[in-house]
Amino acid sequence: PNPLLPLPVLQAAHCQMIKDLSACLLGQNLRVDCRYENKTDNPLTYEFSITKDNRKHVIHSTISVSENIYRSRANVTMHKNLVCLHLQSFTTSDEGIYMCELKATNDYTGNQIRNITVIKDKLEKCAGFSLLIQNTSWLLLLLLSLPLLQAVDFVSL
């Protein structure tokens, strides 16, 4: 065989890749969006956990068993390229480092992991449309700059 050709195993690497992990508040509930790029039709397993006080607590998972305190409050929805954790009645005691872990069946590259630090006072409200989320950064900048623009007008009067 030609030694320059990569092995098929290398081509199969990274069947799924976490692209983005974000968190927002929807009313009293926390939503954590774990976006990924899917390169395989293999079933996806996931785990959402939180690390606080140097201990890991599993919130919702298809990989391991979730803890009782979260089981009744948490649910996960899966859309195309998005695994979404919903945690009801989010309070400051739920603050910590949230972790999204994804694994595609028969993907030998190991699990994909991303973290995000969630602090209640710093969370933004979720956008009404999930499509908007990808484009909110410039919109947010625009909204944030409006009061500044008004202030400048006021000064020039």
Protein backbone atom coordinates (compact mmCIF):
# COMPACT_ATOMS: atom_id res chain seq x y z
CA PRO A 1 0.00 0.00 0.00
CA ASN A 2 1.00 3.62 -0.58
CA PRO A 3 2.62 4.89 2.67
CA LEU A 4 1.47 8.44 1.93
CA LEU A 5 -2.20 7.57 2.23
CA PRO A 6 -3.55 8.22 5.74
CA LEU A 7 -5.02 5.28 7.56
CA PRO A 8 -8.83 5.11 7.51
CA VAL A 9 -8.79 5.43 11.30
CA LEU A 10 -7.35 8.94 11.02
CA GLN A 11 -10.13 9.98 8.70
CA ALA A 12 -12.71 8.81 11.21
CA ALA A 13 -11.18 10.91 13.98
CA HIS A 14 -13.27 13.66 15.51
CA CYS A 15 -16.65 12.45 14.33
CA GLN A 16 -18.20 15.05 16.55
CA MET A 17 -16.71 18.22 17.85
CA ILE A 18 -18.13 20.61 20.42
CA LYS A 19 -18.13 24.04 18.82
CA ASP A 20 -19.68 26.20 21.47
CA LEU A 21 -21.03 26.06 24.99
CA SER A 22 -23.27 28.87 26.20
CA ALA A 23 -25.60 29.48 29.12
CA CYS A 24 -28.56 31.81 29.58
CA LEU A 25 -31.57 32.35 31.83
CA LEU A 26 -35.08 31.60 30.64
CA GLY A 27 -37.31 32.94 33.40
CA GLN A 28 -36.15 31.08 36.52
CA ASN A 29 -34.58 28.29 34.51
CA LEU A 30 -31.04 27.84 33.32
CA ARG A 31 -30.42 26.77 29.76
CA VAL A 32 -27.03 25.44 28.70
CA ASP A 33 -26.55 25.02 24.94
CA CYS A 34 -23.89 22.60 23.81
CA ARG A 35 -23.43 23.07 20.05
CA TYR A 36 -21.46 20.53 18.12
CA GLU A 37 -20.44 19.66 14.62
CA ASN A 38 -21.67 16.21 13.73
CA LYS A 39 -19.73 14.24 11.17
CA THR A 40 -21.38 10.91 11.77
CA ASP A 41 -24.89 9.53 12.02
CA ASN A 42 -23.86 7.40 14.98
CA PRO A 43 -25.97 7.88 18.11
CA LEU A 44 -24.70 10.55 20.45
CA THR A 45 -24.38 10.13 24.20
CA TYR A 46 -24.01 13.14 26.47
CA GLU A 47 -23.34 14.19 30.01
CA PHE A 48 -23.97 17.54 31.69
CA SER A 49 -22.28 18.00 35.03
CA ILE A 50 -21.35 20.79 37.39
CA THR A 51 -18.18 21.18 39.40
CA LYS A 52 -18.54 23.14 42.61
CA ASP A 53 -16.45 22.97 45.77
CA ASN A 54 -14.05 20.82 43.75
CA ARG A 55 -16.64 18.09 43.36
CA LYS A 56 -18.27 16.94 40.16
CA HIS A 57 -22.04 16.44 40.23
CA VAL A 58 -23.77 14.79 37.29
CA ILE A 59 -26.91 16.74 36.32
CA HIS A 60 -28.21 14.79 33.33
CA SER A 61 -26.51 12.02 31.43
CA THR A 62 -26.80 9.06 29.11
CA ILE A 63 -23.24 8.07 30.04
CA SER A 64 -23.53 7.74 33.83
CA VAL A 65 -26.12 8.12 36.58
CA SER A 66 -27.32 11.62 37.43
CA GLU A 67 -27.62 12.77 41.04
CA ASN A 68 -30.99 12.78 42.76
CA ILE A 69 -30.96 16.48 43.58
CA TYR A 70 -30.85 17.33 39.89
CA ARG A 71 -32.87 14.50 38.42
CA SER A 72 -36.30 16.02 39.04
CA ARG A 73 -35.22 19.50 37.88
CA ALA A 74 -33.22 18.74 34.77
CA ASN A 75 -34.10 17.67 31.28
CA VAL A 76 -32.26 17.63 27.99
CA THR A 77 -33.52 18.31 24.50
CA MET A 78 -31.61 17.42 21.38
CA HIS A 79 -31.93 19.29 18.12
CA LYS A 80 -29.78 19.17 15.04
CA ASN A 81 -26.23 19.89 16.22
CA LEU A 82 -27.43 21.08 19.62
CA VAL A 83 -27.78 19.35 22.97
CA CYS A 84 -29.64 21.59 25.37
CA LEU A 85 -29.79 21.25 29.16
CA HIS A 86 -32.73 22.84 30.98
CA LEU A 87 -32.37 23.21 34.75
CA GLN A 88 -35.48 24.42 36.54
CA SER A 89 -35.51 26.86 39.48
CA PHE A 90 -31.92 27.96 39.02
CA THR A 91 -30.48 29.64 42.12
CA THR A 92 -27.06 30.83 43.27
CA SER A 93 -26.52 27.38 44.81
CA ASP A 94 -26.44 26.04 41.24
CA GLU A 95 -23.51 28.27 40.31
CA GLY A 96 -20.32 26.54 39.25
CA ILE A 97 -18.44 25.21 36.26
CA TYR A 98 -20.84 23.44 33.94
CA MET A 99 -19.44 20.79 31.66
CA CYS A 100 -20.85 19.32 28.48
CA GLU A 101 -19.39 15.99 27.44
CA LEU A 102 -20.32 14.34 24.16
CA LYS A 103 -19.45 10.97 22.77
CA ALA A 104 -20.49 9.44 19.47
CA THR A 105 -20.97 5.69 19.40
CA ASN A 106 -17.95 3.95 17.86
CA ASP A 107 -15.94 7.17 17.88
CA TYR A 108 -12.61 6.16 19.31
CA THR A 109 -11.23 9.65 19.63
CA GLY A 110 -12.57 9.84 23.17
CA ASN A 111 -15.09 12.20 24.62
CA GLN A 112 -15.40 15.84 23.67
CA ILE A 113 -15.58 18.17 26.66
CA ARG A 114 -16.26 21.89 27.06
CA ASN A 115 -16.70 23.96 30.25
CA ILE A 116 -18.44 27.20 31.07
CA THR A 117 -18.53 29.08 34.37
CA VAL A 118 -22.10 29.96 35.30
CA ILE A 119 -22.80 32.79 37.77
CA LYS A 120 -26.38 33.87 38.21
CA ASP A 121 -25.78 37.63 38.21
CA LYS A 122 -23.75 37.42 35.01
CA LEU A 123 -26.20 35.36 32.99
CA GLU A 124 -28.07 36.95 30.13
CA LYS A 125 -31.65 36.22 29.25
CA CYS A 126 -32.08 33.66 26.51
CA ALA A 127 -33.04 34.99 23.10
CA GLY A 128 -36.50 34.04 21.94
CA PHE A 129 -35.26 32.36 18.80
CA SER A 130 -32.39 29.93 18.84
CA LEU A 131 -31.41 31.12 15.36
CA LEU A 132 -30.74 34.58 16.76
CA ILE A 133 -28.28 33.25 19.31
CA GLN A 134 -25.59 32.82 16.68
CA ASN A 135 -25.98 36.43 15.59
CA THR A 136 -26.54 38.15 18.92
CA SER A 137 -23.02 39.42 19.45
CA TRP A 138 -23.29 42.28 16.94
CA LEU A 139 -26.90 42.92 17.91
CA LEU A 140 -25.87 43.14 21.55
CA LEU A 141 -23.08 45.56 20.69
CA LEU A 142 -25.57 47.68 18.79
CA LEU A 143 -28.01 47.71 21.72
CA LEU A 144 -25.23 48.49 24.19
CA SER A 145 -24.00 51.38 22.07
CA LEU A 146 -27.43 53.02 21.71
CA PRO A 147 -27.38 54.75 25.12
CA LEU A 148 -23.87 55.99 24.31
CA LEU A 149 -25.02 57.45 21.01
CA GLN A 150 -27.93 59.16 22.72
CA ALA A 151 -25.60 60.54 25.36
CA VAL A 152 -23.35 61.99 22.66
CA ASP A 153 -26.32 63.69 20.97
CA PHE A 154 -27.41 65.12 24.28
CA VAL A 155 -23.97 66.59 24.95
CA SER A 156 -23.79 68.23 21.52
CA LEU A 157 -27.10 70.06 22.02
